[in-house]
Protein backbone atom coordinates (compact mmCIF):
# COMPACT_ATOMS: atom_id res chain seq x y z
CA UNK A 1 26.04 2.02 12.80
CA UNK A 2 27.07 -1.38 11.37
CA UNK A 3 23.82 -3.35 11.51
CA UNK A 4 20.60 -2.89 9.56
CA UNK A 5 18.64 -2.56 12.81
CA UNK A 6 20.87 0.23 14.07
CA UNK A 7 20.40 2.10 10.77
CA UNK A 8 16.62 1.70 10.62
CA UNK A 9 16.14 2.60 14.24
CA UNK A 10 17.90 5.87 13.50
CA UNK A 11 16.41 6.50 10.11
CA UNK A 12 12.68 5.72 10.79
CA UNK A 13 12.38 8.71 13.24
CA UNK A 14 14.58 10.81 10.92
CA UNK A 15 12.28 10.27 7.92
CA UNK A 16 8.96 10.60 9.83
CA UNK A 17 9.72 12.75 12.82
CA UNK A 18 8.00 10.17 15.03
CA UNK A 19 9.83 8.61 17.98
CA UNK A 20 10.10 4.81 17.85
CA UNK A 21 7.93 4.32 20.91
CA UNK A 22 5.07 6.16 19.17
CA UNK A 23 4.73 3.52 16.44
CA UNK A 24 2.02 0.93 16.68
CA UNK A 25 2.35 -2.67 15.84
CA UNK A 26 -0.14 -2.41 12.95
CA UNK A 27 0.64 -0.11 10.10
CA UNK A 28 -1.38 1.55 7.30
CA UNK A 29 0.69 2.84 4.39
CA UNK A 30 -0.52 5.43 1.92
CA UNK A 31 0.84 7.76 -0.78
CA UNK A 32 -1.41 10.64 0.26
CA UNK A 33 -1.24 13.38 2.87
CA UNK A 34 -5.04 13.54 2.86
CA UNK A 35 -5.30 10.10 4.33
CA UNK A 36 -3.02 11.00 7.25
CA UNK A 37 -4.90 14.12 8.01
CA UNK A 38 -8.26 12.33 7.85
CA UNK A 39 -6.88 9.65 10.19
CA UNK A 40 -5.50 12.23 12.63
CA UNK A 41 -8.82 14.16 12.58
CA UNK A 42 -10.84 10.98 13.23
CA UNK A 43 -8.75 9.96 16.32
CA UNK A 44 -7.74 13.46 17.48
CA UNK A 45 -4.07 12.53 17.29
CA UNK A 46 -0.88 14.35 16.42
CA UNK A 47 0.73 14.26 13.00
CA UNK A 48 4.46 13.87 12.97
CA UNK A 49 6.83 14.63 10.11
CA UNK A 50 5.36 17.78 8.58
CA UNK A 51 8.17 19.13 6.37
CA UNK A 52 9.93 15.71 6.37
CA UNK A 53 9.92 13.10 3.63
CA UNK A 54 7.13 11.11 5.43
CA UNK A 55 4.30 11.95 7.75
CA UNK A 56 2.84 9.60 10.42
CA UNK A 57 0.24 9.45 13.11
CA UNK A 58 -0.83 6.79 15.63
CA UNK A 59 -4.17 6.31 17.31
CA UNK A 60 -5.01 4.95 20.78
CA UNK A 61 -5.45 1.38 19.55
CA UNK A 62 -1.85 1.16 18.40
CA UNK A 63 -2.60 1.65 14.64
CA UNK A 64 -0.09 3.89 12.80
CA UNK A 65 -0.62 5.50 9.38
CA UNK A 66 2.33 6.58 7.22
CA UNK A 67 2.44 8.65 4.09
CA UNK A 68 5.67 7.39 2.50
CA UNK A 69 5.39 9.16 -0.87
CA UNK A 70 5.09 7.75 -4.41
CA UNK A 71 7.05 5.07 -6.18
CA UNK A 72 8.74 1.78 -5.65
CA UNK A 73 11.94 3.11 -4.20
CA UNK A 74 9.95 4.88 -1.46
CA UNK A 75 7.96 1.70 -0.91
CA UNK A 76 11.14 -0.25 -0.41
CA UNK A 77 12.53 2.39 1.92
CA UNK A 78 9.53 2.32 4.30
CA UNK A 79 9.29 -1.48 4.30
CA UNK A 80 12.99 -1.60 5.25
CA UNK A 81 12.64 1.15 7.83
CA UNK A 82 9.69 -0.57 9.50
CA UNK A 83 12.01 -3.35 10.60
CA UNK A 84 13.00 -0.96 13.34
CA UNK A 85 9.63 -1.52 15.02
CA UNK A 86 8.85 -5.08 13.76
CA UNK A 87 5.16 -4.56 12.93
CA UNK A 88 2.75 -7.41 13.04
CA UNK A 89 0.90 -6.30 9.94
CA UNK A 90 1.19 -3.68 7.20
CA UNK A 91 -1.64 -2.74 4.82
CA UNK A 92 -1.04 -0.53 1.81
CA UNK A 93 -3.95 1.77 0.88
CA UNK A 94 -3.04 2.82 -2.64
CA UNK A 95 -4.66 3.88 -5.85
CA UNK A 96 -4.23 2.06 -9.10
CA UNK A 97 -5.20 2.32 -12.72
CA UNK A 98 -7.85 -0.19 -13.84
CA UNK A 99 -6.91 -2.31 -16.84
CA UNK A 100 -10.17 -4.22 -17.27
CA UNK A 101 -13.77 -3.25 -18.10
CA UNK A 102 -14.69 -4.85 -14.75
CA UNK A 103 -12.40 -2.47 -12.82
CA UNK A 104 -14.35 0.82 -13.07
CA UNK A 105 -13.60 3.88 -11.03
CA UNK A 106 -14.24 3.45 -7.33
CA UNK A 107 -13.88 -0.32 -7.23
CA UNK A 108 -11.61 -1.96 -4.73
CA UNK A 109 -8.95 -4.52 -5.66
CA UNK A 110 -7.40 -7.09 -3.29
CA UNK A 111 -4.41 -8.24 -5.36
CA UNK A 112 -3.56 -11.92 -5.32
CA UNK A 113 -0.11 -11.13 -6.64
CA UNK A 114 1.91 -8.39 -8.33
CA UNK A 115 4.18 -8.53 -11.43
CA UNK A 116 7.59 -7.06 -10.60
CA UNK A 117 8.03 -4.61 -13.43
CA UNK A 118 9.59 -1.87 -11.25
CA UNK A 119 13.11 -3.22 -10.86
CA UNK A 120 13.51 -2.22 -7.24
CA UNK A 121 12.47 -5.59 -5.95
CA UNK A 122 15.35 -7.23 -7.89
CA UNK A 123 17.68 -6.02 -5.17
CA UNK A 124 15.89 -8.29 -2.66
CA UNK A 125 15.07 -11.58 -4.50
CA UNK A 126 15.70 -13.20 -7.91
CA UNK A 127 13.14 -12.23 -10.51
CA UNK A 128 11.50 -15.70 -10.36
CA UNK A 129 10.26 -15.07 -6.84
CA UNK A 130 6.60 -13.99 -6.98
CA UNK A 131 5.36 -10.87 -5.22
CA UNK A 132 2.58 -12.11 -2.92
CA UNK A 133 0.54 -10.68 -0.05
CA UNK A 134 -0.04 -12.38 3.27
CA UNK A 135 -3.43 -13.95 2.45
CA UNK A 136 -4.48 -14.16 6.11
CA UNK A 137 -4.19 -10.40 6.41
CA UNK A 138 -6.23 -9.99 3.24
CA UNK A 139 -8.98 -12.11 4.81
CA UNK A 140 -9.49 -9.43 7.42
CA UNK A 141 -9.79 -6.79 4.70
CA UNK A 142 -12.19 -8.96 2.65
CA UNK A 143 -14.37 -9.47 5.78
CA UNK A 144 -14.72 -5.72 6.37
CA UNK A 145 -15.59 -5.05 2.65
CA UNK A 146 -18.28 -7.70 2.75
CA UNK A 147 -19.60 -6.45 6.13
CA UNK A 148 -20.45 -3.24 4.34
CA UNK A 149 -22.19 -5.07 1.49
CA UNK A 150 -19.56 -3.88 -0.93
CA UNK A 151 -17.86 -5.81 -3.74
CA UNK A 152 -14.25 -6.07 -4.69
CA UNK A 153 -12.11 -7.53 -7.44
CA UNK A 154 -9.13 -9.86 -7.19
CA UNK A 155 -6.36 -10.28 -9.76
CA UNK A 156 -2.76 -9.51 -10.57
CA UNK A 157 -1.35 -5.94 -10.36
CA UNK A 158 1.48 -4.77 -12.63
CA UNK A 159 3.93 -2.59 -10.71
CA UNK A 160 6.07 -0.22 -12.72
CA UNK A 161 8.57 2.55 -12.06
CA UNK A 162 7.46 4.12 -15.35
CA UNK A 163 5.33 7.21 -15.30
CA UNK A 164 3.66 8.88 -18.34
CA UNK A 165 3.23 5.66 -20.33
CA UNK A 166 -0.42 6.18 -21.24
CA UNK A 167 0.46 7.29 -24.77
CA UNK A 168 2.59 4.20 -25.51
CA UNK A 169 0.47 1.67 -27.38
CA UNK A 170 3.17 -1.02 -27.30
CA UNK A 171 3.19 -0.80 -23.49
CA UNK A 172 -0.63 -1.08 -23.54
CA UNK A 173 -0.28 -4.26 -25.53
CA UNK A 174 2.21 -5.71 -23.02
CA UNK A 175 -0.21 -5.00 -20.20
CA UNK A 176 -3.06 -6.65 -22.16
CA UNK A 177 -0.94 -9.73 -22.84
CA UNK A 178 -0.11 -10.07 -19.13
CA UNK A 179 -3.83 -10.11 -18.24
CA UNK A 180 -3.37 -7.70 -15.30
CA UNK A 181 -6.32 -6.19 -13.57
CA UNK A 182 -4.56 -2.95 -12.52
CA UNK A 183 -1.36 -1.06 -12.63
CA UNK A 184 0.48 0.91 -9.89
CA UNK A 185 3.99 1.87 -8.71
CA UNK A 186 4.28 0.25 -5.28
CA UNK A 187 2.45 -3.04 -4.62
CA UNK A 188 4.99 -5.55 -5.88
CA UNK A 189 7.77 -3.71 -4.01
CA UNK A 190 5.76 -3.79 -0.76
CA UNK A 191 5.07 -7.45 -1.13
CA UNK A 192 8.64 -8.46 -1.95
CA UNK A 193 10.43 -6.28 0.58
CA UNK A 194 7.83 -7.43 3.20
CA UNK A 195 8.70 -11.00 2.31
CA UNK A 196 12.42 -10.19 2.63
CA UNK A 197 11.88 -8.55 6.05
CA UNK A 198 9.39 -11.14 7.32
CA UNK A 199 6.57 -8.55 7.60
CA UNK A 200 2.99 -9.61 7.07
CA UNK A 201 1.70 -7.34 4.28
CA UNK A 202 -1.29 -6.64 2.08
CA UNK A 203 -2.78 -4.03 -0.20
CA UNK A 204 -6.24 -2.67 -0.70
CA UNK A 205 -6.19 -0.64 -3.95
CA UNK A 206 -8.76 1.90 -5.11
CA UNK A 207 -9.28 2.20 -8.87
CA UNK A 208 -8.66 5.83 -9.54
CA UNK A 209 -8.52 5.86 -13.34
CA UNK A 210 -8.83 3.61 -16.41
CA UNK A 211 -5.68 4.67 -18.36
CA UNK A 212 -6.07 2.23 -21.27
CA UNK A 213 -8.92 4.33 -22.66
CA UNK A 214 -8.31 7.87 -24.02
CA UNK A 215 -10.90 9.47 -21.75
CA UNK A 216 -9.82 7.41 -18.74
CA UNK A 217 -6.42 8.96 -18.21
CA UNK A 218 -6.11 10.59 -14.79
CA UNK A 219 -6.45 14.35 -14.52
CA UNK A 220 -6.44 16.78 -11.67
CA UNK A 221 -10.23 16.99 -11.85
CA UNK A 222 -10.86 13.27 -12.11
CA UNK A 223 -8.48 12.42 -9.22
CA UNK A 224 -10.12 15.06 -7.04
CA UNK A 225 -13.53 13.44 -7.73
CA UNK A 226 -12.23 9.97 -6.91
CA UNK A 227 -10.78 11.23 -3.57
CA UNK A 228 -13.99 13.02 -2.73
CA UNK A 229 -16.20 10.05 -3.48
CA UNK A 230 -14.24 7.06 -2.19
CA UNK A 231 -11.08 8.01 -0.18
CA UNK A 232 -12.89 8.15 3.17
CA UNK A 233 -14.41 4.71 2.65
CA UNK A 234 -11.02 3.36 1.52
CA UNK A 235 -9.33 4.64 4.69
CA UNK A 236 -12.13 3.40 6.88
CA UNK A 237 -11.90 -0.15 5.49
CA UNK A 238 -8.18 -0.15 6.18
CA UNK A 239 -8.71 1.14 9.78
CA UNK A 240 -11.31 -1.40 10.59
CA UNK A 241 -9.48 -4.37 9.08
CA UNK A 242 -6.19 -3.62 10.90
CA UNK A 243 -7.93 -2.75 14.15
CA UNK A 244 -9.79 -6.05 14.03
CA UNK A 245 -6.60 -7.88 13.29
CA UNK A 246 -4.92 -6.28 16.30
CA UNK A 247 -7.94 -6.89 18.63
CA UNK A 248 -8.03 -10.63 17.71
CA UNK A 249 -4.31 -10.83 18.17
CA UNK A 250 -3.89 -13.32 15.37
CA UNK A 251 -0.30 -13.93 14.36
CA UNK A 252 0.54 -14.18 10.71
CA UNK A 253 3.39 -16.65 10.39
CA UNK A 254 6.26 -16.13 7.99
CA UNK A 255 7.97 -19.27 6.68
CA UNK A 256 11.74 -19.05 6.56
CA UNK A 257 13.90 -20.72 3.94
């Protein structure tokens, strides 16, 4: 296997257990097994990849959901592997830490950009290249949120490879100085690797904790409560947005350089 396409066409089924012809042209990405199981239950469809690094399921409308795990290296891996099926749109349904008083638990964030603090994306483009979503894809997500009379925030996400930073006050100050609205471990990588692979991409993030306050650091109990209260809505917004994008058949152009 000498070409990238040969490798990814072999590795995508190896990681997910799903044959290539079972993948849809529109993709939901998540970090959580719960989302995949809820998706499969809603559409009475099979889950592939149990016991493998990633799990996936596809519904009758050609929408696939993939749990790729946690962290920027996994995010880069799945965005590279998806070149095997050349999806027309990818939406990441992730959780993030809120860094502003206006980003309380349960709020949704549609990032306008992400700061590349994770390092992984440096293997794809120079550090001066911004990590941006495909804004046309985000319009479909925005429409679905507004259709439900919900609100959302926009702003810049800081993506980091670092975990267990909540105690580090110097790191807190850096985040404050960068005026970010939220922090996660995947968004910038998904945006940059999507740009590199000419894949239309976006992210709808659910604020799951407010880690810059002592009582806002995520715990087992608090994360369970967030999942119980908002995860189903989060998933449904993603399903409806990507289904609508597919039904309307709108192409999201990628400009080559």
